[in-house]
Amino acid sequence: MQLEKFIEINPQIMMGKPVIKGTRITVELILEKLAAEDTIEDILAEHPRLKREHILAAFAFAANMLKGEKIIALAA
């Protein structure tokens, strides 16, 4: 998955936390909601701008971070 297509890190958006491109929805928020037992469908209903592929990108981003790989996507 090309994470840079879906995830961006920009110091001017949410203090540089990774977000879904074009939104202020952080990867952290998505993971917190899933940890709180929200389903993907719950998250999609609550945030209509999100798509399933955005949530899957958040999973992939988190997995890459845990591997120790650094992904730095700068705003264009």
Protein backbone atom coordinates (compact mmCIF):
# COMPACT_ATOMS: atom_id res chain seq x y z
CA MET A 1 0.00 0.00 0.00
CA GLN A 2 1.29 3.46 -0.86
CA LEU A 3 0.84 5.12 2.50
CA GLU A 4 1.78 8.56 1.21
CA LYS A 5 -1.40 8.44 -0.87
CA PHE A 6 -3.52 8.34 2.32
CA ILE A 7 -1.39 9.50 5.27
CA GLU A 8 0.44 12.78 5.69
CA ILE A 9 2.57 14.39 8.36
CA ASN A 10 2.53 18.16 8.30
CA PRO A 11 3.68 20.29 11.25
CA GLN A 12 0.82 22.70 10.49
CA ILE A 13 -1.87 20.03 10.83
CA MET A 14 -2.63 18.50 14.24
CA MET A 15 0.85 19.45 15.50
CA GLY A 16 2.52 17.10 13.04
CA LYS A 17 0.67 13.93 14.00
CA PRO A 18 0.02 11.54 11.11
CA VAL A 19 -3.43 12.24 9.66
CA ILE A 20 -5.60 10.98 6.84
CA LYS A 21 -4.82 13.30 3.92
CA GLY A 22 -7.29 16.11 3.49
CA THR A 23 -8.65 15.72 7.04
CA ARG A 24 -7.69 16.42 10.62
CA ILE A 25 -8.45 12.80 11.55
CA THR A 26 -5.34 11.30 13.11
CA VAL A 27 -4.11 7.76 12.80
CA GLU A 28 -4.04 7.81 16.59
CA LEU A 29 -7.79 8.57 16.77
CA ILE A 30 -8.63 5.71 14.42
CA LEU A 31 -6.56 3.26 16.46
CA GLU A 32 -8.04 4.52 19.74
CA LYS A 33 -11.56 4.00 18.42
CA LEU A 34 -10.73 0.47 17.33
CA ALA A 35 -9.14 -0.25 20.72
CA ALA A 36 -12.36 0.99 22.34
CA GLU A 37 -14.20 -1.71 20.37
CA ASP A 38 -15.66 0.56 17.68
CA THR A 39 -15.92 -1.31 14.40
CA ILE A 40 -14.67 -0.06 11.06
CA GLU A 41 -18.32 0.50 10.14
CA ASP A 42 -18.84 2.59 13.32
CA ILE A 43 -15.88 4.80 12.41
CA LEU A 44 -17.03 5.20 8.82
CA ALA A 45 -20.52 6.20 9.99
CA GLU A 46 -19.11 8.73 12.46
CA HIS A 47 -16.66 10.22 9.95
CA PRO A 48 -18.35 10.25 6.53
CA ARG A 49 -15.24 11.61 4.78
CA LEU A 50 -13.34 8.43 5.64
CA LYS A 51 -13.25 5.36 3.46
CA ARG A 52 -12.32 1.81 4.34
CA GLU A 53 -8.98 2.25 2.57
CA HIS A 54 -8.14 5.15 4.92
CA ILE A 55 -8.62 2.93 7.96
CA LEU A 56 -6.54 0.16 6.39
CA ALA A 57 -3.83 2.74 5.67
CA ALA A 58 -3.88 3.73 9.36
CA PHE A 59 -3.29 0.05 10.26
CA ALA A 60 -0.43 -0.21 7.78
CA PHE A 61 1.12 3.04 9.02
CA ALA A 62 0.99 1.85 12.64
CA ALA A 63 2.46 -1.54 11.70
CA ASN A 64 5.33 0.15 9.86
CA MET A 65 6.03 2.39 12.85
CA LEU A 66 6.22 -0.65 15.11
CA LYS A 67 8.73 -2.24 12.74
CA GLY A 68 10.97 0.74 13.31
CA GLU A 69 10.67 1.97 9.75
CA LYS A 70 10.38 5.71 9.45
CA ILE A 71 7.96 7.12 6.92
CA ILE A 72 8.07 10.84 6.53
CA ALA A 73 5.50 12.31 4.18
CA LEU A 74 5.89 16.05 3.86
CA ALA A 75 3.15 18.33 2.70
CA ALA A 76 3.48 19.30 -0.94
